[in-house]
């Protein structure tokens, strides 16, 4: 009797517990929660449905349906690759790609590509578009036109990937790297340019100094000419005679004639004076 009661009691307790457990399991498989920033792709017995669950609580058929979450937030992808420039230099590039998955196309991406769409779609597209873009510039232009290359990559990647439901929001060029031979050539070119610039600067300085000296001489000559003009205008006949008298030493000039005769004006004047004196004495005696 006691054993019978024990069996009945066990059945009354265990059965409800089992029913509760089964209900909990069913409810757990009927309810799904899609995380924030994600969408849920509904798969029924392996078939991808076009229905896309947005973030939040949703119901599904237990055991025969599952929900695959697709991240629709902006995601960063780094790609390192090589390309050839317009002058056939090898350009090693590291890119940071920011992209997102269109929420309405989540089921299409999962159905056609799967969850590994970065390796299947984005990375090959980056390699292709980068090679086409870098080939438009020389290696040196690639360094100075990083913004143009980034814009070209952004436009080209969106053209290739938008139809698949992938949108590129930003492209950043982290690094451009070249071969050792090319880097050496660039350094030598820069040194040569600096030397040329220095030589041109020195040449311009020399020319400037020469021009300054020539201008100074011209100004000095003009000043002297102006002074001579003023002096010339200020000289009168009376002033000339005055300077002649000031500079005369009291001696008359000696006039030189032919090689056999030389006339001394001062001697003539002395003789004339003596003759005058003799005449005066004679006149006195006669009287």
C-alpha atoms as a PDB file:
ATOM      1  CA  UNK A   1       0.000   0.000   0.000  1.00  0.00           C
ATOM      2  CA  UNK A   2       2.753   2.397   0.890  1.00  0.00           C
ATOM      3  CA  UNK A   3       4.640   1.596  -2.292  1.00  0.00           C
ATOM      4  CA  UNK A   4       1.514   2.236  -4.369  1.00  0.00           C
ATOM      5  CA  UNK A   5       0.995   5.634  -2.745  1.00  0.00           C
ATOM      6  CA  UNK A   6       4.630   6.469  -3.341  1.00  0.00           C
ATOM      7  CA  UNK A   7       4.338   5.655  -7.027  1.00  0.00           C
ATOM      8  CA  UNK A   8       1.184   7.745  -7.398  1.00  0.00           C
ATOM      9  CA  UNK A   9       2.889  10.672  -5.611  1.00  0.00           C
ATOM     10  CA  UNK A  10       5.969  10.434  -7.787  1.00  0.00           C
ATOM     11  CA  UNK A  11       3.831  10.446 -10.917  1.00  0.00           C
ATOM     12  CA  UNK A  12       1.893  13.495  -9.737  1.00  0.00           C
ATOM     13  CA  UNK A  13       5.114  15.416  -9.039  1.00  0.00           C
ATOM     14  CA  UNK A  14       7.374  14.279 -11.843  1.00  0.00           C
ATOM     15  CA  UNK A  15       4.827  14.620 -14.635  1.00  0.00           C
ATOM     16  CA  UNK A  16       4.148  18.343 -14.070  1.00  0.00           C
ATOM     17  CA  UNK A  17       7.850  18.979 -13.766  1.00  0.00           C
ATOM     18  CA  UNK A  18       8.434  17.256 -17.088  1.00  0.00           C
ATOM     19  CA  UNK A  19       5.602  19.208 -18.689  1.00  0.00           C
ATOM     20  CA  UNK A  20       7.081  22.493 -17.409  1.00  0.00           C
ATOM     21  CA  UNK A  21      10.508  21.571 -18.757  1.00  0.00           C
ATOM     22  CA  UNK A  22       9.049  20.707 -22.161  1.00  0.00           C
ATOM     23  CA  UNK A  23       7.127  23.985 -22.258  1.00  0.00           C
ATOM     24  CA  UNK A  24      10.236  25.939 -21.372  1.00  0.00           C
ATOM     25  CA  UNK A  25      12.191  24.208 -24.121  1.00  0.00           C
ATOM     26  CA  UNK A  26       9.435  24.896 -26.653  1.00  0.00           C
ATOM     27  CA  UNK A  27       9.205  28.526 -25.632  1.00  0.00           C
ATOM     28  CA  UNK A  28      12.978  28.887 -25.821  1.00  0.00           C
ATOM     29  CA  UNK A  29      12.926  27.581 -29.368  1.00  0.00           C
ATOM     30  CA  UNK A  30       9.949  29.728 -30.338  1.00  0.00           C
ATOM     31  CA  UNK A  31      11.444  32.993 -29.174  1.00  0.00           C
ATOM     32  CA  UNK A  32      14.500  34.717 -30.641  1.00  0.00           C
ATOM     33  CA  UNK A  33      16.077  38.053 -29.771  1.00  0.00           C
ATOM     34  CA  UNK A  34      17.990  40.015 -32.419  1.00  0.00           C
ATOM     35  CA  UNK A  35      20.787  42.138 -30.948  1.00  0.00           C
ATOM     36  CA  UNK A  36      20.994  45.907 -31.418  1.00  0.00           C
ATOM     37  CA  UNK A  37      22.611  46.938 -34.685  1.00  0.00           C
ATOM     38  CA  UNK A  38      21.897  43.539 -36.254  1.00  0.00           C
ATOM     39  CA  UNK A  39      19.261  41.953 -38.437  1.00  0.00           C
ATOM     40  CA  UNK A  40      18.075  38.364 -38.283  1.00  0.00           C
ATOM     41  CA  UNK A  41      17.927  36.162 -41.389  1.00  0.00           C
ATOM     42  CA  UNK A  42      15.278  33.468 -41.020  1.00  0.00           C
ATOM     43  CA  UNK A  43      16.274  30.009 -42.230  1.00  0.00           C
ATOM     44  CA  UNK A  44      13.612  27.266 -42.443  1.00  0.00           C
ATOM     45  CA  UNK A  45      15.051  23.775 -42.796  1.00  0.00           C
ATOM     46  CA  UNK A  46      18.047  25.230 -44.640  1.00  0.00           C
ATOM     47  CA  UNK A  47      16.015  27.568 -46.888  1.00  0.00           C
ATOM     48  CA  UNK A  48      16.780  31.284 -46.548  1.00  0.00           C
ATOM     49  CA  UNK A  49      13.591  33.278 -46.239  1.00  0.00           C
ATOM     50  CA  UNK A  50      13.265  36.833 -47.543  1.00  0.00           C
ATOM     51  CA  UNK A  51      11.873  37.805 -44.165  1.00  0.00           C
ATOM     52  CA  UNK A  52      14.422  39.843 -42.207  1.00  0.00           C
ATOM     53  CA  UNK A  53      13.967  40.309 -38.470  1.00  0.00           C
ATOM     54  CA  UNK A  54      14.930  43.701 -37.088  1.00  0.00           C
ATOM     55  CA  UNK A  55      16.463  44.084 -33.650  1.00  0.00           C
ATOM     56  CA  UNK A  56      14.238  42.984 -30.775  1.00  0.00           C
ATOM     57  CA  UNK A  57      12.032  40.001 -29.787  1.00  0.00           C
ATOM     58  CA  UNK A  58      10.597  37.678 -32.466  1.00  0.00           C
ATOM     59  CA  UNK A  59       8.847  34.284 -32.709  1.00  0.00           C
ATOM     60  CA  UNK A  60       9.770  31.382 -34.962  1.00  0.00           C
ATOM     61  CA  UNK A  61       8.770  27.785 -35.435  1.00  0.00           C
ATOM     62  CA  UNK A  62      10.661  25.658 -32.937  1.00  0.00           C
ATOM     63  CA  UNK A  63      13.279  23.183 -34.113  1.00  0.00           C
ATOM     64  CA  UNK A  64      12.639  23.773 -37.836  1.00  0.00           C
ATOM     65  CA  UNK A  65      13.614  27.454 -38.034  1.00  0.00           C
ATOM     66  CA  UNK A  66      16.723  29.337 -36.949  1.00  0.00           C
ATOM     67  CA  UNK A  67      17.736  32.985 -37.070  1.00  0.00           C
ATOM     68  CA  UNK A  68      21.206  34.035 -38.335  1.00  0.00           C
ATOM     69  CA  UNK A  69      22.307  37.451 -37.121  1.00  0.00           C
ATOM     70  CA  UNK A  70      23.986  39.818 -39.599  1.00  0.00           C
ATOM     71  CA  UNK A  71      25.927  42.781 -38.218  1.00  0.00           C
ATOM     72  CA  UNK A  72      24.644  45.990 -39.837  1.00  0.00           C
ATOM     73  CA  UNK A  73      26.837  48.369 -37.898  1.00  0.00           C
ATOM     74  CA  UNK A  74      29.762  50.184 -39.503  1.00  0.00           C
ATOM     75  CA  UNK A  75      32.642  47.729 -39.478  1.00  0.00           C
ATOM     76  CA  UNK A  76      36.341  48.353 -40.056  1.00  0.00           C
ATOM     77  CA  UNK A  77      38.392  46.144 -42.360  1.00  0.00           C
ATOM     78  CA  UNK A  78      42.142  46.529 -42.949  1.00  0.00           C
ATOM     79  CA  UNK A  79      43.521  45.368 -46.277  1.00  0.00           C
ATOM     80  CA  UNK A  80      47.213  45.217 -47.174  1.00  0.00           C
ATOM     81  CA  UNK A  81      47.978  44.824 -50.846  1.00  0.00           C
ATOM     82  CA  UNK A  82      50.286  45.911 -53.681  1.00  0.00           C
ATOM     83  CA  UNK A  83      49.688  47.839 -56.880  1.00  0.00           C
ATOM     84  CA  UNK A  84      51.728  49.319 -59.713  1.00  0.00           C
ATOM     85  CA  UNK A  85      51.925  53.056 -60.296  1.00  0.00           C
ATOM     86  CA  UNK A  86      51.803  54.791 -63.662  1.00  0.00           C
ATOM     87  CA  UNK A  87      55.623  54.747 -63.836  1.00  0.00           C
ATOM     88  CA  UNK A  88      55.617  50.999 -62.979  1.00  0.00           C
ATOM     89  CA  UNK A  89      56.794  51.386 -59.390  1.00  0.00           C
ATOM     90  CA  UNK A  90      55.556  48.855 -56.828  1.00  0.00           C
ATOM     91  CA  UNK A  91      53.327  50.561 -54.254  1.00  0.00           C
ATOM     92  CA  UNK A  92      52.663  48.610 -51.056  1.00  0.00           C
ATOM     93  CA  UNK A  93      49.486  49.931 -49.486  1.00  0.00           C
ATOM     94  CA  UNK A  94      47.586  49.427 -46.246  1.00  0.00           C
ATOM     95  CA  UNK A  95      43.957  50.553 -46.332  1.00  0.00           C
ATOM     96  CA  UNK A  96      41.334  50.921 -43.611  1.00  0.00           C
ATOM     97  CA  UNK A  97      37.875  50.296 -45.078  1.00  0.00           C
ATOM     98  CA  UNK A  98      34.718  51.241 -43.164  1.00  0.00           C
ATOM     99  CA  UNK A  99      31.620  49.491 -44.485  1.00  0.00           C
ATOM    100  CA  UNK A 100      28.122  48.432 -43.484  1.00  0.00           C
ATOM    101  CA  UNK A 101      25.561  45.876 -44.668  1.00  0.00           C
ATOM    102  CA  UNK A 102      22.218  47.173 -45.919  1.00  0.00           C
ATOM    103  CA  UNK A 103      19.523  45.859 -43.578  1.00  0.00           C
ATOM    104  CA  UNK A 104      17.108  45.091 -46.392  1.00  0.00           C
ATOM    105  CA  UNK A 105      19.757  43.034 -48.228  1.00  0.00           C
ATOM    106  CA  UNK A 106      20.927  40.936 -45.285  1.00  0.00           C
ATOM    107  CA  UNK A 107      19.047  37.843 -46.467  1.00  0.00           C
ATOM    108  CA  UNK A 108      20.439  38.235 -50.010  1.00  0.00           C
ATOM    109  CA  UNK A 109      24.050  38.488 -48.807  1.00  0.00           C
ATOM    110  CA  UNK A 110      23.651  35.459 -46.537  1.00  0.00           C
ATOM    111  CA  UNK A 111      21.881  33.461 -49.243  1.00  0.00           C
ATOM    112  CA  UNK A 112      24.357  34.242 -52.039  1.00  0.00           C
ATOM    113  CA  UNK A 113      27.613  34.655 -50.159  1.00  0.00           C
ATOM    114  CA  UNK A 114      27.231  33.502 -46.576  1.00  0.00           C
ATOM    115  CA  UNK A 115      28.564  35.163 -43.498  1.00  0.00           C
ATOM    116  CA  UNK A 116      32.147  35.439 -44.858  1.00  0.00           C
ATOM    117  CA  UNK A 117      31.319  38.307 -47.218  1.00  0.00           C
ATOM    118  CA  UNK A 118      34.443  40.272 -46.247  1.00  0.00           C
ATOM    119  CA  UNK A 119      36.776  37.729 -47.844  1.00  0.00           C
ATOM    120  CA  UNK A 120      34.424  36.859 -50.692  1.00  0.00           C
ATOM    121  CA  UNK A 121      33.313  40.344 -51.794  1.00  0.00           C
ATOM    122  CA  UNK A 122      35.061  43.257 -50.094  1.00  0.00           C
ATOM    123  CA  UNK A 123      38.746  42.248 -50.136  1.00  0.00           C
ATOM    124  CA  UNK A 124      38.830  41.274 -53.861  1.00  0.00           C
ATOM    125  CA  UNK A 125      36.989  44.491 -54.749  1.00  0.00           C
ATOM    126  CA  UNK A 126      39.519  46.557 -52.772  1.00  0.00           C
ATOM    127  CA  UNK A 127      42.439  44.915 -54.615  1.00  0.00           C
ATOM    128  CA  UNK A 128      40.867  45.470 -58.018  1.00  0.00           C
ATOM    129  CA  UNK A 129      39.814  49.092 -57.492  1.00  0.00           C
ATOM    130  CA  UNK A 130      43.122  50.011 -55.829  1.00  0.00           C
ATOM    131  CA  UNK A 131      45.150  48.702 -58.762  1.00  0.00           C
ATOM    132  CA  UNK A 132      42.985  50.616 -61.233  1.00  0.00           C
ATOM    133  CA  UNK A 133      43.184  53.831 -59.207  1.00  0.00           C
ATOM    134  CA  UNK A 134      46.913  53.806 -58.381  1.00  0.00           C
ATOM    135  CA  UNK A 135      47.748  53.092 -62.043  1.00  0.00           C
ATOM    136  CA  UNK A 136      46.487  56.591 -62.891  1.00  0.00           C
ATOM    137  CA  UNK A 137      49.286  58.261 -60.902  1.00  0.00           C
ATOM    138  CA  UNK A 138      53.058  58.071 -60.717  1.00  0.00           C
ATOM    139  CA  UNK A 139      54.608  56.879 -57.478  1.00  0.00           C
ATOM    140  CA  UNK A 140      55.447  60.434 -56.449  1.00  0.00           C
ATOM    141  CA  UNK A 141      51.936  61.633 -57.338  1.00  0.00           C
ATOM    142  CA  UNK A 142      50.473  58.811 -55.243  1.00  0.00           C
ATOM    143  CA  UNK A 143      52.035  60.354 -52.160  1.00  0.00           C
ATOM    144  CA  UNK A 144      50.909  63.900 -52.921  1.00  0.00           C
ATOM    145  CA  UNK A 145      47.407  62.904 -54.081  1.00  0.00           C
ATOM    146  CA  UNK A 146      46.314  60.620 -51.238  1.00  0.00           C
ATOM    147  CA  UNK A 147      42.971  62.406 -50.932  1.00  0.00           C
ATOM    148  CA  UNK A 148      42.185  61.956 -54.626  1.00  0.00           C
ATOM    149  CA  UNK A 149      43.101  58.278 -54.433  1.00  0.00           C
ATOM    150  CA  UNK A 150      40.930  57.801 -51.335  1.00  0.00           C
ATOM    151  CA  UNK A 151      37.989  59.469 -53.079  1.00  0.00           C
ATOM    152  CA  UNK A 152      38.540  57.320 -56.152  1.00  0.00           C
ATOM    153  CA  UNK A 153      38.621  54.152 -54.040  1.00  0.00           C
ATOM    154  CA  UNK A 154      35.429  55.144 -52.220  1.00  0.00           C
ATOM    155  CA  UNK A 155      33.571  55.785 -55.463  1.00  0.00           C
ATOM    156  CA  UNK A 156      34.881  52.684 -57.215  1.00  0.00           C
ATOM    157  CA  UNK A 157      34.137  50.332 -54.307  1.00  0.00           C
ATOM    158  CA  UNK A 158      30.585  51.573 -53.944  1.00  0.00           C
ATOM    159  CA  UNK A 159      29.997  51.057 -57.655  1.00  0.00           C
ATOM    160  CA  UNK A 160      31.065  47.428 -57.311  1.00  0.00           C
ATOM    161  CA  UNK A 161      29.486  46.542 -53.976  1.00  0.00           C
ATOM    162  CA  UNK A 162      26.250  48.523 -53.600  1.00  0.00           C
ATOM    163  CA  UNK A 163      24.270  46.074 -55.732  1.00  0.00           C
ATOM    164  CA  UNK A 164      25.282  43.326 -53.307  1.00  0.00           C
ATOM    165  CA  UNK A 165      24.013  45.303 -50.330  1.00  0.00           C
ATOM    166  CA  UNK A 166      27.417  46.466 -49.075  1.00  0.00           C
ATOM    167  CA  UNK A 167      28.105  50.176 -48.634  1.00  0.00           C
ATOM    168  CA  UNK A 168      31.568  51.666 -48.154  1.00  0.00           C
ATOM    169  CA  UNK A 169      31.357  54.703 -45.875  1.00  0.00           C
ATOM    170  CA  UNK A 170      35.036  55.683 -45.701  1.00  0.00           C
ATOM    171  CA  UNK A 171      38.453  54.749 -47.091  1.00  0.00           C
ATOM    172  CA  UNK A 172      41.652  55.730 -45.272  1.00  0.00           C
ATOM    173  CA  UNK A 173      45.123  55.178 -46.679  1.00  0.00           C
ATOM    174  CA  UNK A 174      47.187  54.162 -43.675  1.00  0.00           C
ATOM    175  CA  UNK A 175      50.484  53.774 -45.490  1.00  0.00           C
ATOM    176  CA  UNK A 176      52.184  53.979 -48.874  1.00  0.00           C
ATOM    177  CA  UNK A 177      55.497  52.151 -49.149  1.00  0.00           C
ATOM    178  CA  UNK A 178      57.941  51.862 -52.067  1.00  0.00           C
ATOM    179  CA  UNK A 179      61.004  49.845 -52.955  1.00  0.00           C
ATOM    180  CA  UNK A 180      64.386  50.756 -51.434  1.00  0.00           C
ATOM    181  CA  UNK A 181      65.757  51.695 -54.867  1.00  0.00           C
ATOM    182  CA  UNK A 182      62.927  54.131 -55.492  1.00  0.00           C
ATOM    183  CA  UNK A 183      63.235  55.711 -52.040  1.00  0.00           C
ATOM    184  CA  UNK A 184      66.980  56.217 -52.639  1.00  0.00           C
ATOM    185  CA  UNK A 185      66.270  57.805 -56.022  1.00  0.00           C
ATOM    186  CA  UNK A 186      63.749  60.179 -54.439  1.00  0.00           C
ATOM    187  CA  UNK A 187      66.256  61.219 -51.761  1.00  0.00           C
ATOM    188  CA  UNK A 188      68.928  61.883 -54.396  1.00  0.00           C
ATOM    189  CA  UNK A 189      66.455  63.908 -56.425  1.00  0.00           C
ATOM    190  CA  UNK A 190      65.558  66.001 -53.394  1.00  0.00           C
ATOM    191  CA  UNK A 191      69.235  66.660 -52.641  1.00  0.00           C
ATOM    192  CA  UNK A 192      69.823  67.708 -56.261  1.00  0.00           C
ATOM    193  CA  UNK A 193      66.822  70.023 -56.161  1.00  0.00           C
ATOM    194  CA  UNK A 194      68.044  71.619 -52.941  1.00  0.00           C
ATOM    195  CA  UNK A 195      71.499  72.168 -54.427  1.00  0.00           C
ATOM    196  CA  UNK A 196      69.966  73.669 -57.568  1.00  0.00           C
ATOM    197  CA  UNK A 197      67.784  75.944 -55.473  1.00  0.00           C
ATOM    198  CA  UNK A 198      70.824  77.049 -53.460  1.00  0.00           C
ATOM    199  CA  UNK A 199      72.790  77.786 -56.658  1.00  0.00           C
ATOM    200  CA  UNK A 200      69.892  79.767 -58.113  1.00  0.00           C
ATOM    201  CA  UNK A 201      69.549  81.727 -54.883  1.00  0.00           C
ATOM    202  CA  UNK A 202      73.253  82.567 -54.867  1.00  0.00           C
ATOM    203  CA  UNK A 203      73.067  83.564 -58.531  1.00  0.00           C
ATOM    204  CA  UNK A 204      70.091  85.810 -57.886  1.00  0.00           C
ATOM    205  CA  UNK A 205      71.918  87.349 -54.919  1.00  0.00           C
ATOM    206  CA  UNK A 206      74.992  88.050 -57.077  1.00  0.00           C
ATOM    207  CA  UNK A 207      72.867  89.583 -59.814  1.00  0.00           C
ATOM    208  CA  UNK A 208      71.026  91.672 -57.259  1.00  0.00           C
ATOM    209  CA  UNK A 209      74.280  92.941 -55.757  1.00  0.00           C
ATOM    210  CA  UNK A 210      75.664  93.771 -59.214  1.00  0.00           C
ATOM    211  CA  UNK A 211      72.472  95.586 -60.119  1.00  0.00           C
ATOM    212  CA  UNK A 212      72.616  97.485 -56.839  1.00  0.00           C
ATOM    213  CA  UNK A 213      76.232  98.516 -57.503  1.00  0.00           C
ATOM    214  CA  UNK A 214      75.383  99.575 -61.045  1.00  0.00           C
ATOM    215  CA  UNK A 215      72.445 101.573 -59.783  1.00  0.00           C
ATOM    216  CA  UNK A 216      74.625 103.210 -57.133  1.00  0.00           C
ATOM    217  CA  UNK A 217      77.236 104.145 -59.763  1.00  0.00           C
ATOM    218  CA  UNK A 218      74.522 105.508 -62.001  1.00  0.00           C
ATOM    219  CA  UNK A 219      73.125 107.615 -59.175  1.00  0.00           C
ATOM    220  CA  UNK A 220      76.630 108.859 -58.291  1.00  0.00           C
ATOM    221  CA  UNK A 221      77.346 109.758 -61.923  1.00  0.00           C
ATOM    222  CA  UNK A 222      74.034 111.567 -62.210  1.00  0.00           C
ATOM    223  CA  UNK A 223      74.780 113.432 -59.001  1.00  0.00           C
ATOM    224  CA  UNK A 224      78.242 114.457 -60.236  1.00  0.00           C
ATOM    225  CA  UNK A 225      76.829 115.538 -63.571  1.00  0.00           C
ATOM    226  CA  UNK A 226      74.179 117.598 -61.832  1.00  0.00           C
ATOM    227  CA  UNK A 227      76.828 119.169 -59.576  1.00  0.00           C
ATOM    228  CA  UNK A 228      78.993 120.014 -62.593  1.00  0.00           C
ATOM    229  CA  UNK A 229      75.988 121.505 -64.350  1.00  0.00           C
ATOM    230  CA  UNK A 230      75.183 123.679 -61.359  1.00  0.00           C
ATOM    231  CA  UNK A 231      78.839 124.679 -61.024  1.00  0.00           C
ATOM    232  CA  UNK A 232      79.062 125.453 -64.728  1.00  0.00           C
ATOM    233  CA  UNK A 233      75.985 127.646 -64.583  1.00  0.00           C
ATOM    234  CA  UNK A 234      77.346 129.489 -61.557  1.00  0.00           C
ATOM    235  CA  UNK A 235      80.735 130.425 -63.173  1.00  0.00           C
ATOM    236  CA  UNK A 236      80.875 134.006 -64.643  1.00  0.00           C
ATOM    237  CA  UNK A 237      83.634 135.846 -66.523  1.00  0.00           C
ATOM    238  CA  UNK A 238      84.411 137.930 -63.454  1.00  0.00           C
ATOM    239  CA  UNK A 239      84.771 134.792 -61.345  1.00  0.00           C
ATOM    240  CA  UNK A 240      87.125 133.286 -63.919  1.00  0.00           C
ATOM    241  CA  UNK A 241      89.299 136.403 -63.927  1.00  0.00           C
ATOM    242  CA  UNK A 242      89.283 136.387 -60.146  1.00  0.00           C
ATOM    243  CA  UNK A 243      90.531 132.805 -60.007  1.00  0.00           C
ATOM    244  CA  UNK A 244      93.226 133.646 -62.584  1.00  0.00           C
ATOM    245  CA  UNK A 245      94.504 136.496 -60.474  1.00  0.00           C
ATOM    246  CA  UNK A 246      94.332 134.371 -57.324  1.00  0.00           C
ATOM    247  CA  UNK A 247      96.418 131.623 -58.878  1.00  0.00           C
ATOM    248  CA  UNK A 248      99.057 133.943 -60.694  1.00  0.00           C
ATOM    249  CA  UNK A 249     102.497 133.831 -59.033  1.00  0.00           C
ATOM    250  CA  UNK A 250     103.674 137.207 -60.460  1.00  0.00           C
ATOM    251  CA  UNK A 251     105.832 135.673 -63.186  1.00  0.00           C
ATOM    252  CA  UNK A 252     105.061 136.188 -66.829  1.00  0.00           C
ATOM    253  CA  UNK A 253     105.146 133.130 -69.011  1.00  0.00           C
ATOM    254  CA  UNK A 254     108.129 132.347 -71.153  1.00  0.00           C
ATOM    255  CA  UNK A 255     107.181 132.244 -74.841  1.00  0.00           C
ATOM    256  CA  UNK A 256     108.992 129.643 -76.810  1.00  0.00           C
ATOM    257  CA  UNK A 257     109.319 130.028 -80.561  1.00  0.00           C
ATOM    258  CA  UNK A 258     111.478 128.005 -82.910  1.00  0.00           C
ATOM    259  CA  UNK A 259     114.267 125.750 -81.740  1.00  0.00           C
ATOM    260  CA  UNK A 260     116.916 128.447 -82.410  1.00  0.00           C
ATOM    261  CA  UNK A 261     115.199 131.319 -80.616  1.00  0.00           C
ATOM    262  CA  UNK A 262     113.485 131.653 -77.239  1.00  0.00           C
ATOM    263  CA  UNK A 263     111.898 134.891 -76.143  1.00  0.00           C
ATOM    264  CA  UNK A 264     111.992 135.805 -72.475  1.00  0.00           C
ATOM    265  CA  UNK A 265     109.212 138.265 -71.855  1.00  0.00           C
ATOM    266  CA  UNK A 266     110.518 139.234 -68.425  1.00  0.00           C
ATOM    267  CA  UNK A 267     113.960 140.171 -69.941  1.00  0.00           C
ATOM    268  CA  UNK A 268     112.247 142.345 -72.492  1.00  0.00           C
ATOM    269  CA  UNK A 269     110.360 144.123 -69.795  1.00  0.00           C
ATOM    270  CA  UNK A 270     113.589 144.656 -67.792  1.00  0.00           C
ATOM    271  CA  UNK A 271     115.382 146.052 -70.833  1.00  0.00           C
ATOM    272  CA  UNK A 272     112.474 148.319 -71.550  1.00  0.00           C
ATOM    273  CA  UNK A 273     112.579 149.592 -68.012  1.00  0.00           C
ATOM    274  CA  UNK A 274     116.376 150.310 -68.264  1.00  0.00           C
ATOM    275  CA  UNK A 275     115.921 152.144 -71.549  1.00  0.00           C
ATOM    276  CA  UNK A 276     113.243 154.258 -70.019  1.00  0.00           C
ATOM    277  CA  UNK A 277     115.469 155.068 -67.103  1.00  0.00           C
ATOM    278  CA  UNK A 278     118.396 156.060 -69.390  1.00  0.00           C
ATOM    279  CA  UNK A 279     116.169 158.298 -71.418  1.00  0.00           C
ATOM    280  CA  UNK A 280     114.972 159.966 -68.270  1.00  0.00           C
ATOM    281  CA  UNK A 281     118.607 160.580 -67.102  1.00  0.00           C
ATOM    282  CA  UNK A 282     119.672 161.984 -70.456  1.00  0.00           C
ATOM    283  CA  UNK A 283     116.758 164.354 -70.497  1.00  0.00           C
ATOM    284  CA  UNK A 284     117.721 165.552 -67.052  1.00  0.00           C
ATOM    285  CA  UNK A 285     121.352 166.192 -68.038  1.00  0.00           C
ATOM    286  CA  UNK A 286     120.388 168.119 -71.069  1.00  0.00           C
ATOM    287  CA  UNK A 287     118.291 170.427 -69.069  1.00  0.00           C
END
